[in-house]
Amino acid sequence: MLRSGAARSLGRSVFSSATPSTRPTRSNATVNTFIVSNTRASGLRRPVNRSLTVHKPVTTALQRYASTVPVGPGTAFDKIDKKAEMARAKEEIDPDPDAVSIDSSVRHVFGEEGVEDQEKDTDMLAGVKADIKTIKDTFALNDVPREALYIGMAGVLPYLATSLSTVYLAWDINHAAANGSHFMIPPHTAEILLHIVEPIQIGYGAVIISFLGAIHWGMEWAKYGGVQGYKRYAIGVVAPAVAWPTMLLPIEYALITQFLTFNFLYFTDARATVRGWVPPWYTTYRFVLTFVVGASIVVSLIGRGQIADKIGRMPGPADRLKALRDSQMESLEREERERRAKIVAKDEGEDDDEEEDDDD
């Protein structure tokens, strides 16, 4: 950009008023030239150009301030306290033979004097200990109300009992197949008991899932975290809508579906805790309960998988509905055949009567 002459002259006037002039005069330049030529001839060190000192007014002022400002009241910056030095000199040094060693009089390059610089041993299990501490803090549940904790843990015991029963019955069936004799329960009886335990586990899981969804309805009615409306009501609707149809599925598919539903509800409860819809301790409480239930489902699936080829599949509700429909169709067909047979018999009786009348 081009500036006018007035603007340049105005800037020069402001700058010249703010800073002193640093341009040496002709007489100063002549004197400096004379001094430099004489020092070169005499072999002495070249002096500093005195005209440059005017360029450093701030630096010079700071140096003058640092050398003249006292440390304390009435004390010069570099003044030595002779009384303190004399008192220190008269003090006796207590002998300490234990502190004398090879390195006691050696000053290390990388270190400070009077400070022990010992390399600490690396704890190889520090990470494992930290993880164990985290697990202990998670399962401590100190903030959870005791009533909710006791009732919640008691609520998962039936689910855990059905899973352990499934594992034991599967092991007994495998033991009988491998050794030719059972351990405690005959294989046929174990299979019948297994077909009784499995529906109980699926039905109880559907009840728990429905209960977990209903909690959000209670929170909405209590207006905990404010009124959320349909968003919170939807959790209580979706949970039983997914849980109860699992009773119509085969055992493996039902357990997998409930496992995914429990984890989805835990994620939903964790998000609700972050948003303030439930108490802060609820997410930790739900984690422990979901961990127990999820482990139980995995155990049941493992036990069921070990005997999949050794037992027959139990007819589920869908099979029962199909059997009921088939029986109803057979009953209708039988009634239709009987009705037609009666009609035919009636027609044949009427024909016989007509023939007898004709003969008469």
Protein backbone atom coordinates (compact mmCIF):
# COMPACT_ATOMS: atom_id res chain seq x y z
CA MET A 1 0.00 0.00 0.00
CA LEU A 2 1.14 3.56 -0.72
CA ARG A 3 1.06 6.15 1.95
CA SER A 4 0.91 9.87 1.50
CA GLY A 5 3.67 12.15 2.57
CA ALA A 6 1.57 13.56 5.40
CA ALA A 7 1.05 10.12 6.88
CA ARG A 8 4.75 9.29 6.68
CA SER A 9 5.74 12.55 8.28
CA LEU A 10 3.18 12.03 11.06
CA GLY A 11 4.54 8.55 11.81
CA ARG A 12 8.09 9.80 11.86
CA SER A 13 7.19 12.59 14.28
CA VAL A 14 5.42 10.16 16.66
CA PHE A 15 8.28 7.67 16.53
CA SER A 16 10.90 10.34 17.07
CA SER A 17 8.99 11.69 20.06
CA ALA A 18 8.66 8.21 21.64
CA THR A 19 12.29 7.17 21.24
CA PRO A 20 15.46 9.19 21.45
CA SER A 21 17.46 9.79 18.34
CA THR A 22 20.10 7.15 17.70
CA ARG A 23 21.80 8.67 14.70
CA PRO A 24 25.35 9.68 15.63
CA THR A 25 26.54 13.11 14.72
CA ARG A 26 29.45 13.74 12.44
CA SER A 27 31.73 14.62 15.34
CA ASN A 28 30.88 11.36 17.16
CA ALA A 29 31.64 9.30 14.07
CA THR A 30 35.02 11.07 13.71
CA VAL A 31 35.93 10.39 17.36
CA ASN A 32 34.93 6.72 17.10
CA THR A 33 37.00 6.25 13.97
CA PHE A 34 40.00 7.75 15.70
CA ILE A 35 39.63 5.49 18.76
CA VAL A 36 39.27 2.32 16.66
CA SER A 37 42.30 3.15 14.50
CA ASN A 38 44.48 3.80 17.57
CA THR A 39 43.43 0.54 19.28
CA ARG A 40 44.15 -1.49 16.13
CA ALA A 41 47.60 0.03 15.94
CA SER A 42 48.37 -0.75 19.56
CA GLY A 43 47.13 -4.35 19.32
CA LEU A 44 44.48 -3.95 22.02
CA ARG A 45 40.96 -5.47 21.98
CA ARG A 46 38.49 -3.56 19.90
CA PRO A 47 36.31 -1.43 22.17
CA VAL A 48 32.58 -1.41 21.95
CA ASN A 49 31.13 1.29 19.77
CA ARG A 50 29.88 3.80 22.28
CA SER A 51 27.30 5.09 19.91
CA LEU A 52 25.45 1.72 20.22
CA THR A 53 24.80 2.18 23.94
CA VAL A 54 21.99 4.56 23.20
CA HIS A 55 20.12 1.66 21.53
CA LYS A 56 19.78 -0.16 24.89
CA PRO A 57 18.22 2.27 27.36
CA VAL A 58 15.90 -0.38 28.89
CA THR A 59 18.65 -3.01 29.33
CA THR A 60 20.97 -0.54 30.94
CA ALA A 61 18.25 0.62 33.29
CA LEU A 62 17.45 -2.97 34.32
CA GLN A 63 21.09 -3.71 35.01
CA ARG A 64 21.40 -0.57 37.10
CA TYR A 65 18.17 -1.53 39.00
CA ALA A 66 19.31 -5.10 39.70
CA SER A 67 22.68 -3.96 41.04
CA THR A 68 21.32 -1.26 43.32
CA VAL A 69 18.02 -2.62 44.72
CA PRO A 70 18.62 -4.19 48.17
CA VAL A 71 17.34 -7.64 49.15
CA GLY A 72 15.96 -6.47 52.48
CA PRO A 73 15.39 -3.14 54.12
CA GLY A 74 18.68 -1.33 54.31
CA THR A 75 20.67 -4.26 52.88
CA ALA A 76 22.65 -4.02 49.69
CA PHE A 77 22.26 -6.63 46.99
CA ASP A 78 25.79 -8.07 47.35
CA LYS A 79 26.43 -7.24 51.03
CA ILE A 80 27.71 -10.15 53.16
CA ASP A 81 26.21 -10.72 56.59
CA LYS A 82 29.42 -11.08 58.58
CA LYS A 83 27.68 -11.77 61.90
CA ALA A 84 25.76 -14.72 60.45
CA GLU A 85 28.94 -16.01 58.83
CA MET A 86 30.87 -15.82 62.09
CA ALA A 87 28.06 -17.57 64.01
CA ARG A 88 27.98 -20.30 61.43
CA ALA A 89 31.74 -20.73 61.62
CA LYS A 90 31.67 -21.22 65.38
CA GLU A 91 29.11 -24.05 65.19
CA GLU A 92 30.43 -27.54 65.76
CA ILE A 93 29.73 -30.31 63.29
CA ASP A 94 28.29 -33.44 64.85
CA PRO A 95 30.10 -36.55 63.66
CA ASP A 96 27.96 -39.07 61.79
CA PRO A 97 30.09 -42.08 60.75
CA ASP A 98 27.07 -43.92 59.34
CA ALA A 99 26.55 -41.19 56.78
CA VAL A 100 30.13 -41.40 55.52
CA SER A 101 30.49 -43.54 52.42
CA ILE A 102 32.28 -43.63 49.11
CA ASP A 103 29.70 -41.36 47.51
CA SER A 104 29.18 -39.02 50.48
CA SER A 105 31.84 -36.53 49.30
CA VAL A 106 31.14 -36.94 45.59
CA ARG A 107 28.83 -34.59 43.76
CA HIS A 108 27.03 -36.35 40.94
CA VAL A 109 26.57 -34.59 37.67
CA PHE A 110 22.90 -35.57 37.35
CA GLY A 111 21.57 -34.91 40.80
CA GLU A 112 21.23 -32.39 43.58
CA GLU A 113 23.48 -32.08 46.57
CA GLY A 114 21.91 -33.30 49.80
CA VAL A 115 19.10 -35.13 48.02
CA GLU A 116 19.10 -38.90 47.81
CA ASP A 117 18.73 -40.00 44.21
CA GLN A 118 17.96 -43.66 44.42
CA GLU A 119 16.31 -45.49 41.61
CA LYS A 120 13.04 -47.00 42.76
CA ASP A 121 12.33 -50.60 42.01
CA THR A 122 9.70 -51.08 39.34
CA ASP A 123 6.64 -52.93 40.55
CA MET A 124 5.87 -55.41 37.80
CA LEU A 125 2.44 -56.16 39.27
CA ALA A 126 1.34 -52.54 39.62
CA GLY A 127 -1.09 -52.82 36.72
CA VAL A 128 -2.58 -56.06 38.03
CA LYS A 129 -2.97 -54.56 41.52
CA ALA A 130 -4.69 -51.50 40.06
CA ASP A 131 -7.12 -53.72 38.14
CA ILE A 132 -7.88 -55.77 41.24
CA LYS A 133 -8.51 -52.57 43.23
CA THR A 134 -10.88 -51.37 40.50
CA ILE A 135 -12.81 -54.65 40.63
CA LYS A 136 -13.04 -54.49 44.42
CA ASP A 137 -14.30 -50.90 44.32
CA THR A 138 -16.87 -51.86 41.67
CA PHE A 139 -18.27 -54.82 43.58
CA ALA A 140 -18.14 -53.07 46.97
CA LEU A 141 -21.47 -51.29 46.29
CA ASN A 142 -20.99 -48.96 49.26
CA ASP A 143 -23.40 -46.36 47.90
CA VAL A 144 -26.21 -48.82 47.13
CA PRO A 145 -29.00 -48.95 49.75
CA ARG A 146 -28.78 -52.17 51.72
CA GLU A 147 -32.43 -53.08 51.14
CA ALA A 148 -32.12 -52.80 47.35
CA LEU A 149 -28.84 -54.71 47.40
CA TYR A 150 -30.13 -57.63 49.46
CA ILE A 151 -33.40 -57.98 47.56
CA GLY A 152 -31.67 -57.61 44.19
CA MET A 153 -29.06 -60.26 44.96
CA ALA A 154 -31.77 -62.57 46.28
CA GLY A 155 -33.67 -62.01 43.04
CA VAL A 156 -30.88 -63.39 40.88
CA LEU A 157 -30.42 -66.52 42.99
CA PRO A 158 -33.20 -68.49 41.23
CA TYR A 159 -31.66 -67.63 37.87
CA LEU A 160 -28.25 -68.75 39.09
CA ALA A 161 -29.75 -71.94 40.58
CA THR A 162 -31.37 -72.93 37.28
CA SER A 163 -28.07 -72.40 35.45
CA LEU A 164 -26.13 -74.54 37.92
CA SER A 165 -28.83 -77.21 37.73
CA THR A 166 -28.52 -77.25 33.95
CA VAL A 167 -24.75 -77.68 34.17
CA TYR A 168 -24.99 -80.50 36.71
CA LEU A 169 -27.70 -82.40 34.81
CA ALA A 170 -25.69 -82.04 31.59
CA TRP A 171 -22.59 -83.35 33.36
CA ASP A 172 -24.50 -86.32 34.78
CA ILE A 173 -25.90 -87.18 31.34
CA ASN A 174 -22.41 -87.01 29.83
CA HIS A 175 -21.02 -89.12 32.69
CA ALA A 176 -23.62 -91.81 32.05
CA ALA A 177 -22.91 -91.76 28.30
CA ALA A 178 -19.13 -92.03 28.82
CA ASN A 179 -19.03 -94.57 31.68
CA GLY A 180 -22.23 -96.50 31.16
CA SER A 181 -23.62 -95.59 34.60
CA HIS A 182 -24.91 -92.39 36.12
CA PHE A 183 -23.42 -90.59 39.11
CA MET A 184 -26.56 -89.62 41.06
CA ILE A 185 -29.49 -89.18 38.66
CA PRO A 186 -30.36 -91.66 35.86
CA PRO A 187 -30.05 -90.19 32.36
CA HIS A 188 -33.76 -90.44 31.61
CA THR A 189 -34.66 -88.68 34.86
CA ALA A 190 -31.95 -86.05 34.30
CA GLU A 191 -33.37 -85.34 30.84
CA ILE A 192 -36.87 -84.90 32.27
CA LEU A 193 -35.58 -82.58 34.98
CA LEU A 194 -33.61 -80.62 32.40
CA HIS A 195 -36.78 -80.09 30.36
CA ILE A 196 -38.47 -78.79 33.52
CA VAL A 197 -35.63 -76.44 34.54
CA GLU A 198 -35.20 -74.79 31.14
CA PRO A 199 -38.71 -73.26 30.89
CA ILE A 200 -38.40 -72.02 34.48
CA GLN A 201 -35.19 -70.16 33.61
CA ILE A 202 -36.69 -68.62 30.48
CA GLY A 203 -39.88 -67.57 32.27
CA TYR A 204 -38.01 -66.11 35.23
CA GLY A 205 -35.73 -64.19 32.86
CA ALA A 206 -38.78 -62.69 31.16
CA VAL A 207 -40.10 -61.61 34.58
CA ILE A 208 -36.78 -59.93 35.49
CA ILE A 209 -36.60 -58.08 32.16
CA SER A 210 -40.17 -56.83 32.59
CA PHE A 211 -39.34 -55.65 36.11
CA LEU A 212 -36.26 -53.75 34.92
CA GLY A 213 -38.38 -51.92 32.37
CA ALA A 214 -41.09 -51.14 34.91
CA ILE A 215 -38.56 -49.36 37.14
CA HIS A 216 -38.46 -46.48 34.66
CA TRP A 217 -42.22 -46.11 34.91
CA GLY A 218 -41.85 -45.68 38.66
CA MET A 219 -39.10 -43.11 38.16
CA GLU A 220 -41.34 -41.21 35.75
CA TRP A 221 -44.26 -41.19 38.17
CA ALA A 222 -41.94 -40.03 40.95
CA LYS A 223 -40.63 -37.32 38.55
CA TYR A 224 -37.06 -38.28 39.39
CA GLY A 225 -34.84 -36.25 37.08
CA GLY A 226 -37.83 -34.35 35.76
CA VAL A 227 -40.73 -35.40 33.56
CA GLN A 228 -39.35 -37.20 30.50
CA GLY A 229 -42.62 -38.40 29.00
CA TYR A 230 -42.74 -41.03 26.29
CA LYS A 231 -38.97 -41.50 26.17
CA ARG A 232 -38.95 -43.06 29.63
CA TYR A 233 -42.27 -44.86 29.23
CA ALA A 234 -40.94 -46.51 26.07
CA ILE A 235 -38.27 -48.36 28.09
CA GLY A 236 -40.96 -50.02 30.20
CA VAL A 237 -42.92 -50.98 27.07
CA VAL A 238 -40.08 -52.38 24.97
CA ALA A 239 -38.63 -54.56 27.75
CA PRO A 240 -41.63 -56.92 28.23
CA ALA A 241 -42.45 -56.79 24.53
CA VAL A 242 -39.07 -58.39 23.83
CA ALA A 243 -38.93 -60.65 26.91
CA TRP A 244 -42.16 -62.61 26.78
CA PRO A 245 -42.02 -63.79 23.13
CA THR A 246 -38.76 -65.58 24.01
CA MET A 247 -40.85 -68.24 25.73
CA LEU A 248 -42.03 -69.35 22.29
CA LEU A 249 -38.47 -69.82 21.00
CA PRO A 250 -36.23 -72.87 21.34
CA ILE A 251 -34.13 -72.85 24.49
CA GLU A 252 -30.87 -71.77 22.84
CA TYR A 253 -32.43 -68.88 20.90
CA ALA A 254 -34.42 -67.81 23.95
CA LEU A 255 -31.32 -67.63 26.17
CA ILE A 256 -29.34 -65.69 23.56
CA THR A 257 -32.21 -63.23 23.07
CA GLN A 258 -32.52 -62.63 26.80
CA PHE A 259 -28.75 -62.20 27.13
CA LEU A 260 -28.81 -59.44 24.50
CA THR A 261 -31.87 -57.87 26.14
CA PHE A 262 -30.19 -57.75 29.56
CA ASN A 263 -27.14 -56.03 28.08
CA PHE A 264 -29.29 -53.58 26.13
CA LEU A 265 -31.17 -52.65 29.31
CA TYR A 266 -27.89 -52.18 31.17
CA PHE A 267 -26.70 -49.79 28.47
CA THR A 268 -30.03 -47.96 28.70
CA ASP A 269 -29.77 -47.71 32.49
CA ALA A 270 -26.20 -46.43 32.24
CA ARG A 271 -27.34 -43.68 29.89
CA ALA A 272 -30.25 -42.90 32.21
CA THR A 273 -27.80 -42.55 35.11
CA VAL A 274 -25.68 -40.08 33.13
CA ARG A 275 -28.78 -38.04 32.29
CA GLY A 276 -29.93 -38.02 35.92
CA TRP A 277 -33.07 -40.10 35.37
CA VAL A 278 -32.07 -42.59 38.11
CA PRO A 279 -29.87 -42.39 41.24
CA PRO A 280 -26.07 -42.27 40.69
CA TRP A 281 -25.52 -45.68 42.29
CA TYR A 282 -28.01 -47.42 40.01
CA THR A 283 -25.57 -48.09 37.15
CA THR A 284 -23.12 -49.90 39.45
CA TYR A 285 -25.98 -51.85 41.02
CA ARG A 286 -27.23 -52.86 37.58
CA PHE A 287 -23.75 -53.86 36.46
CA VAL A 288 -23.39 -56.38 39.27
CA LEU A 289 -26.83 -57.90 38.69
CA THR A 290 -26.33 -58.01 34.91
CA PHE A 291 -22.94 -59.64 35.41
CA VAL A 292 -24.46 -62.45 37.50
CA VAL A 293 -27.37 -63.00 35.12
CA GLY A 294 -25.17 -62.86 32.03
CA ALA A 295 -22.72 -65.36 33.51
CA SER A 296 -25.63 -67.65 34.35
CA ILE A 297 -26.91 -67.53 30.78
CA VAL A 298 -23.46 -68.33 29.40
CA VAL A 299 -23.12 -71.26 31.81
CA SER A 300 -26.52 -72.60 30.73
CA LEU A 301 -25.60 -72.34 27.06
CA ILE A 302 -22.32 -74.17 27.66
CA GLY A 303 -24.02 -76.95 29.62
CA ARG A 304 -26.76 -77.26 27.03
CA GLY A 305 -24.22 -77.42 24.21
CA GLN A 306 -22.40 -80.35 25.80
CA ILE A 307 -25.47 -82.61 25.54
CA ALA A 308 -27.13 -81.31 22.39
CA ASP A 309 -26.61 -84.66 20.61
CA LYS A 310 -27.48 -86.87 23.60
CA ILE A 311 -31.01 -85.74 24.49
CA GLY A 312 -34.15 -85.05 22.54
CA ARG A 313 -35.40 -81.57 22.10
CA MET A 314 -38.13 -80.64 24.48
CA PRO A 315 -41.32 -79.53 22.77
CA GLY A 316 -41.60 -75.83 23.33
CA PRO A 317 -44.66 -73.62 23.45
CA ALA A 318 -44.57 -73.22 19.69
CA ASP A 319 -44.54 -76.99 19.28
CA ARG A 320 -47.43 -77.28 21.69
CA LEU A 321 -49.41 -74.67 19.77
CA LYS A 322 -48.70 -76.53 16.55
CA ALA A 323 -49.76 -79.80 18.14
CA LEU A 324 -52.94 -78.14 19.45
CA ARG A 325 -53.71 -76.76 16.01
CA ASP A 326 -53.12 -80.14 14.40
CA SER A 327 -55.34 -81.86 16.97
CA GLN A 328 -58.06 -79.33 16.32
CA MET A 329 -57.80 -79.92 12.59
CA GLU A 330 -57.98 -83.68 13.14
CA SER A 331 -61.02 -83.23 15.38
CA LEU A 332 -62.74 -81.10 12.77
CA GLU A 333 -61.97 -83.65 10.05
CA ARG A 334 -63.27 -86.46 12.26
CA GLU A 335 -66.46 -84.56 12.99
CA GLU A 336 -66.83 -83.83 9.30
CA ARG A 337 -66.43 -87.49 8.43
CA GLU A 338 -68.96 -88.52 11.07
CA ARG A 339 -71.41 -85.90 9.85
CA ARG A 340 -71.06 -87.08 6.29
CA ALA A 341 -71.42 -90.69 7.39
CA LYS A 342 -74.67 -89.83 9.14
CA ILE A 343 -75.93 -88.02 6.09
CA VAL A 344 -75.06 -90.98 3.89
CA ALA A 345 -76.69 -93.40 6.30
CA LYS A 346 -79.79 -91.23 6.41
CA ASP A 347 -79.95 -91.07 2.63
CA GLU A 348 -79.53 -94.82 2.34
CA GLY A 349 -82.36 -95.37 4.88
CA GLU A 350 -84.67 -93.11 2.91
CA ASP A 351 -83.84 -94.99 -0.30
CA ASP A 352 -84.67 -98.29 1.35
CA ASP A 353 -88.02 -96.95 2.52
CA GLU A 354 -88.87 -95.76 -0.96
CA GLU A 355 -88.00 -99.15 -2.41
CA GLU A 356 -90.25 -100.88 0.11
CA ASP A 357 -93.14 -98.57 -0.73
CA ASP A 358 -92.67 -99.30 -4.41
CA ASP A 359 -92.82 -103.04 -3.75
CA ASP A 360 -96.07 -102.69 -1.84
